[in-house]
Amino acid sequence: MKKRIFSLLLFVGVLTAANAQSEKYVKAMQDKVAAIDTLRNPQMLLDLSAAFERIADAEKTQWQPYYYASLAQVSAAFSRGNGNLKPEIADPVADKAEALLSKAEALAKDNSEIFVLKKMIANLRMLADPMNRYMTYGAQGAQALQTAKTLNPENPRTFLLEAEDKYFTPEQFGGSKEEARRLFEAALKKYDAFKPATPLDPIWGRPTAQYFLSQLK
């Protein structure tokens, strides 16, 4: 009887410790997740990426911090502006982002958000040298985006990225401001209905869709 009581107390102690660790993890992540949608300074985004990576390496079993560390790397590169996306700048960032994202994917297979970020990384590589890289990375990005949509047709970030493609692509190559407007509006409707699986799952992108729609008025 005493052994059973001891075992029960030990189990309760382990469970309590696990819950406390989970609460600590969530607390460490929440403000940083919110910052993804507000930070625009490249160095601050790189610092944010490093903070996420430290959390990821400490936790080891959570996909979100590796994902956000990768996303912050990509966002930092794009924040510099397309004029600064030379291969010698963009490629090391893309390499780092891919390495982090691979760790996230190992912990979260068939995740739409992972493929959204793969699309963004492909765009980053392509925009560093569009004339020479479009055929390779344009195709990779399109495939990643299609996979993201297949895995979760309600993911608003797939509509956001598709809208950005239409917005920035010249009309003679398939771009369309009107089509971009329709897709940004569709993205916002998806954001309104979207329910993340956990408080730390991705919700970013709504302010971006709102901004581009304001430019299309």
C-alpha atoms as a PDB file:
ATOM      1  CA  MET A   1       0.000   0.000   0.000  1.00  0.00           C
ATOM      2  CA  LYS A   2       2.803   2.373   0.949  1.00  0.00           C
ATOM      3  CA  LYS A   3       4.536   1.618  -2.343  1.00  0.00           C
ATOM      4  CA  ARG A   4       1.368   2.496  -4.263  1.00  0.00           C
ATOM      5  CA  ILE A   5       0.997   5.780  -2.397  1.00  0.00           C
ATOM      6  CA  PHE A   6       4.662   6.619  -3.014  1.00  0.00           C
ATOM      7  CA  SER A   7       4.293   5.827  -6.721  1.00  0.00           C
ATOM      8  CA  LEU A   8       1.188   7.986  -6.966  1.00  0.00           C
ATOM      9  CA  LEU A   9       2.905  10.901  -5.234  1.00  0.00           C
ATOM     10  CA  LEU A  10       5.908  10.525  -7.521  1.00  0.00           C
ATOM     11  CA  PHE A  11       3.651  10.561 -10.613  1.00  0.00           C
ATOM     12  CA  VAL A  12       1.848  13.665  -9.363  1.00  0.00           C
ATOM     13  CA  GLY A  13       5.187  15.347  -8.730  1.00  0.00           C
ATOM     14  CA  VAL A  14       6.436  14.582 -12.234  1.00  0.00           C
ATOM     15  CA  LEU A  15       3.160  15.772 -13.785  1.00  0.00           C
ATOM     16  CA  THR A  16       3.271  19.007 -11.782  1.00  0.00           C
ATOM     17  CA  ALA A  17       6.857  19.638 -12.865  1.00  0.00           C
ATOM     18  CA  ALA A  18       5.903  19.026 -16.517  1.00  0.00           C
ATOM     19  CA  ASN A  19       3.006  21.462 -16.278  1.00  0.00           C
ATOM     20  CA  ALA A  20       5.242  24.082 -14.659  1.00  0.00           C
ATOM     21  CA  GLN A  21       7.781  23.652 -17.462  1.00  0.00           C
ATOM     22  CA  SER A  22       5.012  24.035 -20.030  1.00  0.00           C
ATOM     23  CA  GLU A  23       3.801  27.228 -18.377  1.00  0.00           C
ATOM     24  CA  LYS A  24       7.370  28.528 -18.321  1.00  0.00           C
ATOM     25  CA  TYR A  25       7.730  27.731 -22.016  1.00  0.00           C
ATOM     26  CA  VAL A  26       4.484  29.487 -22.945  1.00  0.00           C
ATOM     27  CA  LYS A  27       5.419  32.546 -20.894  1.00  0.00           C
ATOM     28  CA  ALA A  28       8.839  32.726 -22.545  1.00  0.00           C
ATOM     29  CA  MET A  29       7.287  32.500 -25.994  1.00  0.00           C
ATOM     30  CA  GLN A  30       4.165  34.675 -25.901  1.00  0.00           C
ATOM     31  CA  ASP A  31       5.651  38.176 -26.123  1.00  0.00           C
ATOM     32  CA  LYS A  32       8.142  37.040 -28.742  1.00  0.00           C
ATOM     33  CA  VAL A  33       5.425  35.476 -30.898  1.00  0.00           C
ATOM     34  CA  ALA A  34       3.496  38.751 -30.774  1.00  0.00           C
ATOM     35  CA  ALA A  35       6.637  40.658 -31.824  1.00  0.00           C
ATOM     36  CA  ILE A  36       6.785  38.764 -35.143  1.00  0.00           C
ATOM     37  CA  ASP A  37       3.953  40.935 -36.471  1.00  0.00           C
ATOM     38  CA  THR A  38       5.315  44.247 -35.174  1.00  0.00           C
ATOM     39  CA  LEU A  39       9.089  44.298 -35.593  1.00  0.00           C
ATOM     40  CA  ARG A  40      10.489  45.722 -38.836  1.00  0.00           C
ATOM     41  CA  ASN A  41      14.099  46.474 -37.854  1.00  0.00           C
ATOM     42  CA  PRO A  42      16.432  43.819 -39.338  1.00  0.00           C
ATOM     43  CA  GLN A  43      18.775  43.631 -36.334  1.00  0.00           C
ATOM     44  CA  MET A  44      15.898  43.400 -33.882  1.00  0.00           C
ATOM     45  CA  LEU A  45      14.446  40.560 -35.937  1.00  0.00           C
ATOM     46  CA  LEU A  46      17.802  38.751 -35.910  1.00  0.00           C
ATOM     47  CA  ASP A  47      17.943  39.200 -32.136  1.00  0.00           C
ATOM     48  CA  LEU A  48      14.423  37.795 -31.923  1.00  0.00           C
ATOM     49  CA  SER A  49      15.484  34.816 -34.033  1.00  0.00           C
ATOM     50  CA  ALA A  50      18.368  34.135 -31.661  1.00  0.00           C
ATOM     51  CA  ALA A  51      16.015  34.300 -28.667  1.00  0.00           C
ATOM     52  CA  PHE A  52      13.667  31.776 -30.281  1.00  0.00           C
ATOM     53  CA  GLU A  53      16.580  29.496 -31.105  1.00  0.00           C
ATOM     54  CA  ARG A  54      17.752  29.522 -27.486  1.00  0.00           C
ATOM     55  CA  ILE A  55      14.275  28.506 -26.357  1.00  0.00           C
ATOM     56  CA  ALA A  56      14.110  25.806 -29.038  1.00  0.00           C
ATOM     57  CA  ASP A  57      17.456  24.307 -28.039  1.00  0.00           C
ATOM     58  CA  ALA A  58      16.424  24.319 -24.378  1.00  0.00           C
ATOM     59  CA  GLU A  59      13.042  22.668 -25.046  1.00  0.00           C
ATOM     60  CA  LYS A  60      14.123  20.353 -27.880  1.00  0.00           C
ATOM     61  CA  THR A  61      10.628  18.886 -28.397  1.00  0.00           C
ATOM     62  CA  GLN A  62       8.683  21.995 -29.467  1.00  0.00           C
ATOM     63  CA  TRP A  63       8.425  22.905 -33.159  1.00  0.00           C
ATOM     64  CA  GLN A  64       7.205  26.492 -32.738  1.00  0.00           C
ATOM     65  CA  PRO A  65      10.437  28.141 -31.518  1.00  0.00           C
ATOM     66  CA  TYR A  66      12.474  26.646 -34.373  1.00  0.00           C
ATOM     67  CA  TYR A  67       9.774  27.796 -36.791  1.00  0.00           C
ATOM     68  CA  TYR A  68       9.705  31.349 -35.413  1.00  0.00           C
ATOM     69  CA  ALA A  69      13.502  31.512 -35.343  1.00  0.00           C
ATOM     70  CA  SER A  70      13.447  30.673 -39.058  1.00  0.00           C
ATOM     71  CA  LEU A  71      10.637  33.132 -39.791  1.00  0.00           C
ATOM     72  CA  ALA A  72      12.451  35.967 -38.014  1.00  0.00           C
ATOM     73  CA  GLN A  73      15.559  35.296 -40.124  1.00  0.00           C
ATOM     74  CA  VAL A  74      13.543  35.569 -43.340  1.00  0.00           C
ATOM     75  CA  SER A  75      11.674  38.644 -42.126  1.00  0.00           C
ATOM     76  CA  ALA A  76      14.971  40.332 -41.270  1.00  0.00           C
ATOM     77  CA  ALA A  77      16.219  39.783 -44.818  1.00  0.00           C
ATOM     78  CA  PHE A  78      13.038  41.114 -46.417  1.00  0.00           C
ATOM     79  CA  SER A  79      13.081  44.113 -44.075  1.00  0.00           C
ATOM     80  CA  ARG A  80      16.313  45.247 -45.733  1.00  0.00           C
ATOM     81  CA  GLY A  81      14.403  45.763 -48.986  1.00  0.00           C
ATOM     82  CA  ASN A  82      14.631  43.970 -52.316  1.00  0.00           C
ATOM     83  CA  GLY A  83      17.425  46.265 -53.453  1.00  0.00           C
ATOM     84  CA  ASN A  84      19.668  44.754 -50.792  1.00  0.00           C
ATOM     85  CA  LEU A  85      18.796  41.119 -51.492  1.00  0.00           C
ATOM     86  CA  LYS A  86      22.027  40.206 -53.232  1.00  0.00           C
ATOM     87  CA  PRO A  87      22.981  36.510 -53.273  1.00  0.00           C
ATOM     88  CA  GLU A  88      25.857  37.058 -50.863  1.00  0.00           C
ATOM     89  CA  ILE A  89      23.378  38.532 -48.364  1.00  0.00           C
ATOM     90  CA  ALA A  90      20.253  36.486 -49.011  1.00  0.00           C
ATOM     91  CA  ASP A  91      21.771  33.001 -49.378  1.00  0.00           C
ATOM     92  CA  PRO A  92      23.407  32.730 -45.916  1.00  0.00           C
ATOM     93  CA  VAL A  93      20.134  33.891 -44.345  1.00  0.00           C
ATOM     94  CA  ALA A  94      18.170  31.364 -46.391  1.00  0.00           C
ATOM     95  CA  ASP A  95      20.633  28.624 -45.389  1.00  0.00           C
ATOM     96  CA  LYS A  96      20.208  29.487 -41.705  1.00  0.00           C
ATOM     97  CA  ALA A  97      16.417  29.694 -42.041  1.00  0.00           C
ATOM     98  CA  GLU A  98      16.271  26.316 -43.791  1.00  0.00           C
ATOM     99  CA  ALA A  99      18.392  24.663 -41.100  1.00  0.00           C
ATOM    100  CA  LEU A 100      16.075  25.953 -38.378  1.00  0.00           C
ATOM    101  CA  LEU A 101      12.965  25.026 -40.340  1.00  0.00           C
ATOM    102  CA  SER A 102      14.240  21.481 -40.857  1.00  0.00           C
ATOM    103  CA  LYS A 103      14.369  21.073 -37.080  1.00  0.00           C
ATOM    104  CA  ALA A 104      10.803  22.366 -36.822  1.00  0.00           C
ATOM    105  CA  GLU A 105       9.616  20.004 -39.553  1.00  0.00           C
ATOM    106  CA  ALA A 106      11.214  17.029 -37.801  1.00  0.00           C
ATOM    107  CA  LEU A 107       8.908  17.770 -34.873  1.00  0.00           C
ATOM    108  CA  ALA A 108       5.785  18.659 -36.890  1.00  0.00           C
ATOM    109  CA  LYS A 109       5.306  16.632 -40.063  1.00  0.00           C
ATOM    110  CA  ASP A 110       2.769  17.695 -42.701  1.00  0.00           C
ATOM    111  CA  ASN A 111       2.313  21.121 -41.163  1.00  0.00           C
ATOM    112  CA  SER A 112       0.885  23.798 -43.455  1.00  0.00           C
ATOM    113  CA  GLU A 113       2.811  26.545 -41.667  1.00  0.00           C
ATOM    114  CA  ILE A 114       6.121  24.829 -42.383  1.00  0.00           C
ATOM    115  CA  PHE A 115       5.389  24.895 -46.105  1.00  0.00           C
ATOM    116  CA  VAL A 116       4.314  28.542 -45.964  1.00  0.00           C
ATOM    117  CA  LEU A 117       7.771  29.332 -44.652  1.00  0.00           C
ATOM    118  CA  LYS A 118       9.409  27.120 -47.285  1.00  0.00           C
ATOM    119  CA  LYS A 119       7.657  29.292 -49.859  1.00  0.00           C
ATOM    120  CA  MET A 120       9.056  32.425 -48.219  1.00  0.00           C
ATOM    121  CA  ILE A 121      12.581  31.027 -48.185  1.00  0.00           C
ATOM    122  CA  ALA A 122      12.285  30.134 -51.884  1.00  0.00           C
ATOM    123  CA  ASN A 123      11.133  33.702 -52.575  1.00  0.00           C
ATOM    124  CA  LEU A 124      14.110  35.052 -50.668  1.00  0.00           C
ATOM    125  CA  ARG A 125      16.545  33.061 -52.799  1.00  0.00           C
ATOM    126  CA  MET A 126      14.735  33.950 -56.018  1.00  0.00           C
ATOM    127  CA  LEU A 127      14.608  37.694 -55.339  1.00  0.00           C
ATOM    128  CA  ALA A 128      18.364  37.758 -54.779  1.00  0.00           C
ATOM    129  CA  ASP A 129      18.803  37.105 -58.527  1.00  0.00           C
ATOM    130  CA  PRO A 130      15.389  36.934 -60.259  1.00  0.00           C
ATOM    131  CA  MET A 131      16.622  36.649 -63.835  1.00  0.00           C
ATOM    132  CA  ASN A 132      18.746  33.596 -63.133  1.00  0.00           C
ATOM    133  CA  ARG A 133      16.800  32.001 -60.309  1.00  0.00           C
ATOM    134  CA  TYR A 134      13.139  32.297 -61.214  1.00  0.00           C
ATOM    135  CA  MET A 135      12.863  28.926 -62.947  1.00  0.00           C
ATOM    136  CA  THR A 136      14.370  27.075 -59.976  1.00  0.00           C
ATOM    137  CA  TYR A 137      13.105  28.886 -56.904  1.00  0.00           C
ATOM    138  CA  GLY A 138       9.887  30.136 -58.446  1.00  0.00           C
ATOM    139  CA  ALA A 139       8.893  26.526 -59.050  1.00  0.00           C
ATOM    140  CA  GLN A 140      10.012  25.460 -55.583  1.00  0.00           C
ATOM    141  CA  GLY A 141       8.030  28.249 -53.981  1.00  0.00           C
ATOM    142  CA  ALA A 142       4.906  27.472 -56.002  1.00  0.00           C
ATOM    143  CA  GLN A 143       5.083  23.809 -54.996  1.00  0.00           C
ATOM    144  CA  ALA A 144       5.571  24.668 -51.327  1.00  0.00           C
ATOM    145  CA  LEU A 145       2.613  27.049 -51.400  1.00  0.00           C
ATOM    146  CA  GLN A 146       0.394  24.446 -53.064  1.00  0.00           C
ATOM    147  CA  THR A 147       1.364  21.897 -50.416  1.00  0.00           C
ATOM    148  CA  ALA A 148       0.581  24.398 -47.670  1.00  0.00           C
ATOM    149  CA  LYS A 149      -2.878  24.996 -49.173  1.00  0.00           C
ATOM    150  CA  THR A 150      -3.518  21.267 -49.539  1.00  0.00           C
ATOM    151  CA  LEU A 151      -2.557  20.580 -45.926  1.00  0.00           C
ATOM    152  CA  ASN A 152      -4.787  23.381 -44.644  1.00  0.00           C
ATOM    153  CA  PRO A 153      -7.102  25.140 -47.118  1.00  0.00           C
ATOM    154  CA  GLU A 154      -8.146  27.556 -44.347  1.00  0.00           C
ATOM    155  CA  ASN A 155      -4.628  28.838 -43.629  1.00  0.00           C
ATOM    156  CA  PRO A 156      -4.837  32.609 -44.231  1.00  0.00           C
ATOM    157  CA  ARG A 157      -1.087  32.899 -44.814  1.00  0.00           C
ATOM    158  CA  THR A 158      -1.351  30.905 -48.041  1.00  0.00           C
ATOM    159  CA  PHE A 159      -3.753  33.527 -49.400  1.00  0.00           C
ATOM    160  CA  LEU A 160      -1.474  36.315 -48.151  1.00  0.00           C
ATOM    161  CA  LEU A 161       1.589  34.963 -49.966  1.00  0.00           C
ATOM    162  CA  GLU A 162      -0.372  34.311 -53.135  1.00  0.00           C
ATOM    163  CA  ALA A 163      -1.680  37.889 -52.978  1.00  0.00           C
ATOM    164  CA  GLU A 164       1.844  39.270 -52.544  1.00  0.00           C
ATOM    165  CA  ASP A 165       3.000  37.315 -55.581  1.00  0.00           C
ATOM    166  CA  LYS A 166       0.214  38.857 -57.676  1.00  0.00           C
ATOM    167  CA  TYR A 167       0.935  42.308 -56.260  1.00  0.00           C
ATOM    168  CA  PHE A 168       4.665  42.366 -56.986  1.00  0.00           C
ATOM    169  CA  THR A 169       4.750  40.413 -60.264  1.00  0.00           C
ATOM    170  CA  PRO A 170       4.571  42.592 -63.404  1.00  0.00           C
ATOM    171  CA  GLU A 171       1.380  42.117 -65.397  1.00  0.00           C
ATOM    172  CA  GLN A 172       3.246  40.794 -68.432  1.00  0.00           C
ATOM    173  CA  PHE A 173       4.450  37.912 -66.245  1.00  0.00           C
ATOM    174  CA  GLY A 174       1.076  37.113 -64.677  1.00  0.00           C
ATOM    175  CA  GLY A 175       0.774  39.756 -61.981  1.00  0.00           C
ATOM    176  CA  SER A 176      -2.448  41.616 -61.302  1.00  0.00           C
ATOM    177  CA  LYS A 177      -3.259  44.324 -58.769  1.00  0.00           C
ATOM    178  CA  GLU A 178      -6.962  43.490 -59.050  1.00  0.00           C
ATOM    179  CA  GLU A 179      -6.322  39.812 -58.405  1.00  0.00           C
ATOM    180  CA  ALA A 180      -4.037  40.791 -55.540  1.00  0.00           C
ATOM    181  CA  ARG A 181      -6.843  42.849 -54.031  1.00  0.00           C
ATOM    182  CA  ARG A 182      -9.222  39.887 -54.216  1.00  0.00           C
ATOM    183  CA  LEU A 183      -6.668  37.607 -52.553  1.00  0.00           C
ATOM    184  CA  PHE A 184      -5.827  40.087 -49.790  1.00  0.00           C
ATOM    185  CA  GLU A 185      -9.545  40.401 -49.048  1.00  0.00           C
ATOM    186  CA  ALA A 186      -9.870  36.609 -49.019  1.00  0.00           C
ATOM    187  CA  ALA A 187      -6.887  36.413 -46.654  1.00  0.00           C
ATOM    188  CA  LEU A 188      -8.552  38.801 -44.199  1.00  0.00           C
ATOM    189  CA  LYS A 189     -11.713  36.703 -44.219  1.00  0.00           C
ATOM    190  CA  LYS A 190      -9.605  33.632 -43.475  1.00  0.00           C
ATOM    191  CA  TYR A 191      -7.870  35.495 -40.629  1.00  0.00           C
ATOM    192  CA  ASP A 192     -11.285  36.332 -39.157  1.00  0.00           C
ATOM    193  CA  ALA A 193     -12.243  32.656 -39.096  1.00  0.00           C
ATOM    194  CA  PHE A 194      -8.843  31.160 -38.271  1.00  0.00           C
ATOM    195  CA  LYS A 195      -8.441  29.367 -34.923  1.00  0.00           C
ATOM    196  CA  PRO A 196      -4.850  28.392 -34.070  1.00  0.00           C
ATOM    197  CA  ALA A 197      -4.432  24.957 -32.506  1.00  0.00           C
ATOM    198  CA  THR A 198      -2.517  26.408 -29.543  1.00  0.00           C
ATOM    199  CA  PRO A 199      -1.825  29.948 -28.256  1.00  0.00           C
ATOM    200  CA  LEU A 200       1.682  29.690 -29.723  1.00  0.00           C
ATOM    201  CA  ASP A 201       0.730  28.564 -33.215  1.00  0.00           C
ATOM    202  CA  PRO A 202       1.185  31.117 -36.036  1.00  0.00           C
ATOM    203  CA  ILE A 203      -1.341  33.925 -36.391  1.00  0.00           C
ATOM    204  CA  TRP A 204       0.925  36.477 -38.090  1.00  0.00           C
ATOM    205  CA  GLY A 205       0.138  38.299 -41.334  1.00  0.00           C
ATOM    206  CA  ARG A 206      -3.108  40.194 -40.812  1.00  0.00           C
ATOM    207  CA  PRO A 207      -1.418  43.653 -40.566  1.00  0.00           C
ATOM    208  CA  THR A 208       0.437  42.945 -43.812  1.00  0.00           C
ATOM    209  CA  ALA A 209      -2.785  42.116 -45.661  1.00  0.00           C
ATOM    210  CA  GLN A 210      -4.409  45.255 -44.256  1.00  0.00           C
ATOM    211  CA  TYR A 211      -1.456  47.389 -45.333  1.00  0.00           C
ATOM    212  CA  PHE A 212      -1.475  46.170 -48.927  1.00  0.00           C
ATOM    213  CA  LEU A 213      -5.227  46.610 -49.206  1.00  0.00           C
ATOM    214  CA  SER A 214      -4.791  50.222 -48.068  1.00  0.00           C
ATOM    215  CA  GLN A 215      -2.299  50.686 -50.927  1.00  0.00           C
ATOM    216  CA  LEU A 216      -4.785  49.306 -53.426  1.00  0.00           C
ATOM    217  CA  LYS A 217      -7.583  51.776 -52.670  1.00  0.00           C
END
